[in-house]
Amino acid sequence: MKTLVRLFLVIVVLAIIGGVAFLATWDIPPPTAPVEREIPTDRFPR
């Protein structure tokens, strides 16, 4: 039983390390669609 728990913990740690390495090296493309928002003028104090 002790070996099974140890094996499970090693697999979980390796999965976490692999996930962190993947996110650190993943080249996420920036969004290409322009963002346009209309801000009403009554929101600004005069």
N, C-alpha and C. Protein backbone atom coordinates (compact mmCIF):
# COMPACT_ATOMS: atom_id res chain seq x y z
N MET A 1 0.83 -1.20 0.00
CA MET A 1 0.00 0.00 0.00
C MET A 1 0.87 1.26 0.00
N LYS A 2 1.96 1.19 0.74
CA LYS A 2 2.86 2.34 0.82
C LYS A 2 3.48 2.63 -0.55
N THR A 3 3.79 1.59 -1.30
CA THR A 3 4.38 1.76 -2.62
C THR A 3 3.37 2.37 -3.59
N LEU A 4 2.12 1.98 -3.47
CA LEU A 4 1.07 2.51 -4.34
C LEU A 4 0.86 4.00 -4.10
N VAL A 5 0.86 4.42 -2.85
CA VAL A 5 0.70 5.84 -2.51
C VAL A 5 1.90 6.63 -3.01
N ARG A 6 3.08 6.09 -2.84
CA ARG A 6 4.30 6.77 -3.30
C ARG A 6 4.28 6.90 -4.82
N LEU A 7 3.87 5.86 -5.53
CA LEU A 7 3.79 5.90 -6.99
C LEU A 7 2.76 6.94 -7.44
N PHE A 8 1.62 7.00 -6.76
CA PHE A 8 0.60 7.99 -7.09
C PHE A 8 1.13 9.41 -6.88
N LEU A 9 1.84 9.65 -5.78
CA LEU A 9 2.39 10.98 -5.52
C LEU A 9 3.44 11.36 -6.57
N VAL A 10 4.25 10.42 -6.99
CA VAL A 10 5.26 10.70 -8.02
C VAL A 10 4.57 11.06 -9.33
N ILE A 11 3.51 10.35 -9.68
CA ILE A 11 2.78 10.65 -10.92
C ILE A 11 2.14 12.03 -10.84
N VAL A 12 1.56 12.39 -9.69
CA VAL A 12 0.94 13.71 -9.53
C VAL A 12 1.99 14.81 -9.63
N VAL A 13 3.13 14.63 -8.98
CA VAL A 13 4.19 15.64 -9.04
C VAL A 13 4.72 15.79 -10.46
N LEU A 14 4.91 14.68 -11.17
CA LEU A 14 5.37 14.76 -12.56
C LEU A 14 4.34 15.44 -13.45
N ALA A 15 3.06 15.20 -13.21
CA ALA A 15 2.01 15.87 -14.00
C ALA A 15 2.01 17.37 -13.74
N ILE A 16 2.20 17.77 -12.50
CA ILE A 16 2.25 19.20 -12.17
C ILE A 16 3.46 19.86 -12.81
N ILE A 17 4.61 19.21 -12.71
CA ILE A 17 5.83 19.76 -13.32
C ILE A 17 5.67 19.85 -14.84
N GLY A 18 5.08 18.83 -15.45
CA GLY A 18 4.86 18.86 -16.88
C GLY A 18 3.90 19.96 -17.29
N GLY A 19 2.85 20.17 -16.52
CA GLY A 19 1.90 21.25 -16.80
C GLY A 19 2.53 22.62 -16.69
N VAL A 20 3.35 22.81 -15.68
CA VAL A 20 4.04 24.09 -15.52
C VAL A 20 5.02 24.31 -16.66
N ALA A 21 5.75 23.29 -17.05
CA ALA A 21 6.69 23.42 -18.17
C ALA A 21 5.95 23.72 -19.47
N PHE A 22 4.80 23.08 -19.67
CA PHE A 22 4.01 23.34 -20.88
C PHE A 22 3.53 24.78 -20.91
N LEU A 23 3.00 25.28 -19.81
CA LEU A 23 2.52 26.65 -19.77
C LEU A 23 3.64 27.67 -19.89
N ALA A 24 4.83 27.32 -19.40
CA ALA A 24 5.97 28.24 -19.48
C ALA A 24 6.51 28.34 -20.90
N THR A 25 6.37 27.29 -21.69
CA THR A 25 6.94 27.31 -23.04
C THR A 25 5.91 27.50 -24.13
N TRP A 26 4.61 27.55 -23.81
CA TRP A 26 3.56 27.68 -24.80
C TRP A 26 3.53 29.10 -25.34
N ASP A 27 3.62 29.24 -26.64
CA ASP A 27 3.60 30.54 -27.28
C ASP A 27 2.15 30.89 -27.62
N ILE A 28 1.49 31.58 -26.71
CA ILE A 28 0.08 31.91 -26.88
C ILE A 28 -0.03 33.06 -27.87
N PRO A 29 -0.80 32.88 -28.95
CA PRO A 29 -0.93 33.98 -29.91
C PRO A 29 -1.79 35.11 -29.33
N PRO A 30 -1.41 36.36 -29.60
CA PRO A 30 -2.20 37.48 -29.09
C PRO A 30 -3.52 37.59 -29.85
N PRO A 31 -4.52 38.18 -29.26
CA PRO A 31 -5.78 38.35 -29.96
C PRO A 31 -5.61 39.28 -31.15
N THR A 32 -6.26 38.96 -32.26
CA THR A 32 -6.08 39.76 -33.46
C THR A 32 -7.28 40.64 -33.77
N ALA A 33 -8.40 40.43 -33.12
CA ALA A 33 -9.58 41.25 -33.36
C ALA A 33 -9.47 42.56 -32.58
N PRO A 34 -9.74 43.68 -33.24
CA PRO A 34 -9.69 44.96 -32.51
C PRO A 34 -10.85 45.07 -31.53
N VAL A 35 -10.59 45.75 -30.43
CA VAL A 35 -11.61 45.94 -29.41
C VAL A 35 -12.01 47.41 -29.41
N GLU A 36 -13.28 47.67 -29.66
CA GLU A 36 -13.78 49.04 -29.65
C GLU A 36 -14.92 49.13 -28.65
N ARG A 37 -14.79 50.05 -27.70
CA ARG A 37 -15.83 50.25 -26.70
C ARG A 37 -16.22 51.72 -26.70
N GLU A 38 -17.50 51.96 -26.65
CA GLU A 38 -17.99 53.33 -26.58
C GLU A 38 -18.28 53.67 -25.13
N ILE A 39 -17.61 54.71 -24.65
CA ILE A 39 -17.80 55.14 -23.27
C ILE A 39 -18.68 56.38 -23.30
N PRO A 40 -19.82 56.35 -22.64
CA PRO A 40 -20.70 57.53 -22.66
C PRO A 40 -20.06 58.70 -21.92
N THR A 41 -20.31 59.91 -22.41
CA THR A 41 -19.68 61.09 -21.82
C THR A 41 -20.26 61.43 -20.46
N ASP A 42 -21.44 60.94 -20.13
CA ASP A 42 -22.01 61.28 -18.83
C ASP A 42 -21.34 60.52 -17.69
N ARG A 43 -20.44 59.62 -18.00
CA ARG A 43 -19.70 58.93 -16.94
C ARG A 43 -18.58 59.79 -16.37
N PHE A 44 -18.17 60.81 -17.11
CA PHE A 44 -17.05 61.64 -16.69
C PHE A 44 -17.57 62.91 -16.00
N PRO A 45 -16.99 63.24 -14.83
CA PRO A 45 -17.43 64.49 -14.17
C PRO A 45 -16.91 65.71 -14.94
N ARG A 46 -17.65 66.80 -14.84
CA ARG A 46 -17.23 68.03 -15.55
C ARG A 46 -16.59 69.00 -14.62
